[in-house]
Amino acid sequence: MNITKLTPEVARESGSILIIVAARLVRRESFTPLYNLCETGKRVISTRELRNAVEQVEEYMIREALKIVDGHDRLTKNLKEAEARIAELELRHRQRDRDDFINAITHPASLYTADEAMEAIAEYDRTH
């Protein structure tokens, strides 16, 4: 992915705040106040003008950093939720497999005796 050609719309659609921030940095959006100051054509700029431009850049960077942190927190939360859901589905799948196994060996047409069926279930539980 070439982030220098990444448009704001594509970055937003990607859903990754890191990509959005990286694209803005590459496009120099964060340093716009300093570039604007340089492009005024003045030979000399005041300390106040420079300080104001630097403060604007700093405020912008802080806002972007907060977005990165918020994005990371959201991704971490989504990851934990997905992992919990996967664990739940795996447990359900294992339980369904066990139920199917028990139904098969305890079916009236099964060739297992009651004792053999109990042993088979115990063995299944030990190995699965």
C-alpha atoms as a PDB file:
ATOM      1  CA  MET A   1       0.000   0.000   0.000  1.00  0.00           C
ATOM      2  CA  ASN A   2       1.428   3.357  -1.023  1.00  0.00           C
ATOM      3  CA  ILE A   3       0.346   5.733   1.726  1.00  0.00           C
ATOM      4  CA  THR A   4       1.594   8.808  -0.131  1.00  0.00           C
ATOM      5  CA  LYS A   5      -1.296   8.369  -2.559  1.00  0.00           C
ATOM      6  CA  LEU A   6      -3.806   7.361   0.082  1.00  0.00           C
ATOM      7  CA  THR A   7      -6.821   9.637   0.025  1.00  0.00           C
ATOM      8  CA  PRO A   8      -8.619  10.518   3.246  1.00  0.00           C
ATOM      9  CA  GLU A   9     -11.683   8.588   2.050  1.00  0.00           C
ATOM     10  CA  VAL A  10      -9.740   5.392   1.395  1.00  0.00           C
ATOM     11  CA  ALA A  11      -7.969   5.721   4.723  1.00  0.00           C
ATOM     12  CA  ARG A  12     -11.282   6.146   6.549  1.00  0.00           C
ATOM     13  CA  GLU A  13     -12.778   3.168   4.727  1.00  0.00           C
ATOM     14  CA  SER A  14      -9.847   1.025   5.797  1.00  0.00           C
ATOM     15  CA  GLY A  15     -10.910   1.652   9.381  1.00  0.00           C
ATOM     16  CA  SER A  16      -7.373   1.836  10.690  1.00  0.00           C
ATOM     17  CA  ILE A  17      -6.579   5.017  12.551  1.00  0.00           C
ATOM     18  CA  LEU A  18      -2.888   4.234  12.171  1.00  0.00           C
ATOM     19  CA  ILE A  19      -3.199   4.302   8.379  1.00  0.00           C
ATOM     20  CA  ILE A  20      -5.170   7.534   8.529  1.00  0.00           C
ATOM     21  CA  VAL A  21      -2.562   9.212  10.742  1.00  0.00           C
ATOM     22  CA  ALA A  22       0.325   7.873   8.640  1.00  0.00           C
ATOM     23  CA  ALA A  23      -1.310   9.207   5.486  1.00  0.00           C
ATOM     24  CA  ARG A  24      -1.736  12.620   7.092  1.00  0.00           C
ATOM     25  CA  LEU A  25       1.892  12.662   8.191  1.00  0.00           C
ATOM     26  CA  VAL A  26       3.079  11.740   4.715  1.00  0.00           C
ATOM     27  CA  ARG A  27       0.909  14.458   3.193  1.00  0.00           C
ATOM     28  CA  ARG A  28       2.453  16.860   5.729  1.00  0.00           C
ATOM     29  CA  GLU A  29      -0.924  17.865   7.118  1.00  0.00           C
ATOM     30  CA  SER A  30       0.437  17.934  10.636  1.00  0.00           C
ATOM     31  CA  PHE A  31       3.054  20.535   9.734  1.00  0.00           C
ATOM     32  CA  THR A  32       0.770  22.842   7.729  1.00  0.00           C
ATOM     33  CA  PRO A  33       1.153  25.798  10.130  1.00  0.00           C
ATOM     34  CA  LEU A  34       4.941  25.675   9.755  1.00  0.00           C
ATOM     35  CA  TYR A  35       4.753  25.340   5.973  1.00  0.00           C
ATOM     36  CA  ASN A  36       2.318  28.242   5.815  1.00  0.00           C
ATOM     37  CA  LEU A  37       4.715  30.323   7.877  1.00  0.00           C
ATOM     38  CA  CYS A  38       7.581  29.460   5.520  1.00  0.00           C
ATOM     39  CA  GLU A  39       5.514  30.337   2.459  1.00  0.00           C
ATOM     40  CA  THR A  40       4.596  33.843   3.620  1.00  0.00           C
ATOM     41  CA  GLY A  41       7.586  35.188   1.731  1.00  0.00           C
ATOM     42  CA  LYS A  42       8.896  37.086   4.726  1.00  0.00           C
ATOM     43  CA  ARG A  43      12.650  37.159   5.136  1.00  0.00           C
ATOM     44  CA  VAL A  44      12.317  37.411   8.894  1.00  0.00           C
ATOM     45  CA  ILE A  45       9.547  36.057  11.084  1.00  0.00           C
ATOM     46  CA  SER A  46       8.885  36.932  14.676  1.00  0.00           C
ATOM     47  CA  THR A  47       9.445  34.547  17.525  1.00  0.00           C
ATOM     48  CA  ARG A  48       5.759  34.863  18.357  1.00  0.00           C
ATOM     49  CA  GLU A  49       4.725  33.708  14.863  1.00  0.00           C
ATOM     50  CA  LEU A  50       7.112  30.760  15.039  1.00  0.00           C
ATOM     51  CA  ARG A  51       5.951  29.842  18.540  1.00  0.00           C
ATOM     52  CA  ASN A  52       2.285  29.988  17.456  1.00  0.00           C
ATOM     53  CA  ALA A  53       2.983  27.745  14.465  1.00  0.00           C
ATOM     54  CA  VAL A  54       4.905  25.254  16.606  1.00  0.00           C
ATOM     55  CA  GLU A  55       2.105  25.240  19.201  1.00  0.00           C
ATOM     56  CA  GLN A  56      -0.460  24.518  16.482  1.00  0.00           C
ATOM     57  CA  VAL A  57       1.652  21.619  15.220  1.00  0.00           C
ATOM     58  CA  GLU A  58       2.031  20.320  18.771  1.00  0.00           C
ATOM     59  CA  GLU A  59      -1.732  20.492  19.376  1.00  0.00           C
ATOM     60  CA  TYR A  60      -2.341  18.663  16.111  1.00  0.00           C
ATOM     61  CA  MET A  61       0.167  15.930  17.039  1.00  0.00           C
ATOM     62  CA  ILE A  62      -1.441  15.503  20.464  1.00  0.00           C
ATOM     63  CA  ARG A  63      -4.883  15.111  18.869  1.00  0.00           C
ATOM     64  CA  GLU A  64      -3.497  12.516  16.437  1.00  0.00           C
ATOM     65  CA  ALA A  65      -1.752  10.642  19.260  1.00  0.00           C
ATOM     66  CA  LEU A  66      -5.030  10.493  21.181  1.00  0.00           C
ATOM     67  CA  LYS A  67      -6.741   9.093  18.084  1.00  0.00           C
ATOM     68  CA  ILE A  68      -4.071   6.401  17.830  1.00  0.00           C
ATOM     69  CA  VAL A  69      -4.551   5.462  21.476  1.00  0.00           C
ATOM     70  CA  ASP A  70      -8.345   5.382  21.075  1.00  0.00           C
ATOM     71  CA  GLY A  71      -8.003   3.285  17.915  1.00  0.00           C
ATOM     72  CA  HIS A  72      -5.671   0.876  19.687  1.00  0.00           C
ATOM     73  CA  ASP A  73      -8.095   0.562  22.596  1.00  0.00           C
ATOM     74  CA  ARG A  74     -10.974  -0.167  20.200  1.00  0.00           C
ATOM     75  CA  LEU A  75      -8.925  -2.767  18.322  1.00  0.00           C
ATOM     76  CA  THR A  76      -7.855  -4.415  21.583  1.00  0.00           C
ATOM     77  CA  LYS A  77     -11.465  -4.526  22.771  1.00  0.00           C
ATOM     78  CA  ASN A  78     -12.636  -5.994  19.456  1.00  0.00           C
ATOM     79  CA  LEU A  79      -9.856  -8.578  19.554  1.00  0.00           C
ATOM     80  CA  LYS A  80     -10.783  -9.674  23.079  1.00  0.00           C
ATOM     81  CA  GLU A  81     -14.459  -9.922  22.105  1.00  0.00           C
ATOM     82  CA  ALA A  82     -13.576 -11.988  19.029  1.00  0.00           C
ATOM     83  CA  GLU A  83     -11.332 -14.307  21.054  1.00  0.00           C
ATOM     84  CA  ALA A  84     -14.096 -14.806  23.635  1.00  0.00           C
ATOM     85  CA  ARG A  85     -16.593 -15.564  20.875  1.00  0.00           C
ATOM     86  CA  ILE A  86     -14.214 -18.066  19.260  1.00  0.00           C
ATOM     87  CA  ALA A  87     -13.666 -19.799  22.606  1.00  0.00           C
ATOM     88  CA  GLU A  88     -17.424 -19.972  23.139  1.00  0.00           C
ATOM     89  CA  LEU A  89     -18.003 -21.442  19.678  1.00  0.00           C
ATOM     90  CA  GLU A  90     -15.211 -23.989  20.136  1.00  0.00           C
ATOM     91  CA  LEU A  91     -16.738 -25.077  23.445  1.00  0.00           C
ATOM     92  CA  ARG A  92     -20.164 -25.427  21.832  1.00  0.00           C
ATOM     93  CA  HIS A  93     -18.633 -27.416  18.960  1.00  0.00           C
ATOM     94  CA  ARG A  94     -16.844 -29.789  21.357  1.00  0.00           C
ATOM     95  CA  GLN A  95     -20.035 -30.231  23.371  1.00  0.00           C
ATOM     96  CA  ARG A  96     -22.022 -30.982  20.219  1.00  0.00           C
ATOM     97  CA  ASP A  97     -19.413 -33.545  19.120  1.00  0.00           C
ATOM     98  CA  ARG A  98     -19.581 -35.187  22.555  1.00  0.00           C
ATOM     99  CA  ASP A  99     -23.388 -35.242  22.468  1.00  0.00           C
ATOM    100  CA  ASP A 100     -23.329 -36.787  18.979  1.00  0.00           C
ATOM    101  CA  PHE A 101     -20.864 -39.435  20.159  1.00  0.00           C
ATOM    102  CA  ILE A 102     -22.984 -40.266  23.207  1.00  0.00           C
ATOM    103  CA  ASN A 103     -26.158 -40.428  21.120  1.00  0.00           C
ATOM    104  CA  ALA A 104     -24.471 -42.776  18.658  1.00  0.00           C
ATOM    105  CA  ILE A 105     -23.213 -45.261  21.233  1.00  0.00           C
ATOM    106  CA  THR A 106     -26.336 -45.190  23.405  1.00  0.00           C
ATOM    107  CA  HIS A 107     -28.720 -45.541  20.468  1.00  0.00           C
ATOM    108  CA  PRO A 108     -30.924 -48.645  20.786  1.00  0.00           C
ATOM    109  CA  ALA A 109     -29.431 -50.041  17.569  1.00  0.00           C
ATOM    110  CA  SER A 110     -25.906 -49.661  18.975  1.00  0.00           C
ATOM    111  CA  LEU A 111     -23.881 -52.792  19.637  1.00  0.00           C
ATOM    112  CA  TYR A 112     -22.455 -51.342  22.882  1.00  0.00           C
ATOM    113  CA  THR A 113     -23.561 -52.714  26.231  1.00  0.00           C
ATOM    114  CA  ALA A 114     -24.286 -50.176  28.965  1.00  0.00           C
ATOM    115  CA  ASP A 115     -20.890 -50.793  30.598  1.00  0.00           C
ATOM    116  CA  GLU A 116     -19.068 -50.530  27.266  1.00  0.00           C
ATOM    117  CA  ALA A 117     -20.910 -47.317  26.471  1.00  0.00           C
ATOM    118  CA  MET A 118     -19.903 -45.812  29.832  1.00  0.00           C
ATOM    119  CA  GLU A 119     -16.285 -46.822  29.245  1.00  0.00           C
ATOM    120  CA  ALA A 120     -16.358 -45.371  25.723  1.00  0.00           C
ATOM    121  CA  ILE A 121     -17.761 -42.083  27.030  1.00  0.00           C
ATOM    122  CA  ALA A 122     -15.112 -41.925  29.758  1.00  0.00           C
ATOM    123  CA  GLU A 123     -12.390 -42.628  27.167  1.00  0.00           C
ATOM    124  CA  TYR A 124     -13.838 -39.941  24.874  1.00  0.00           C
ATOM    125  CA  ASP A 125     -13.768 -37.415  27.725  1.00  0.00           C
ATOM    126  CA  ARG A 126     -10.145 -38.291  28.561  1.00  0.00           C
ATOM    127  CA  THR A 127      -8.959 -37.907  24.971  1.00  0.00           C
ATOM    128  CA  HIS A 128     -10.963 -34.862  23.949  1.00  0.00           C
END
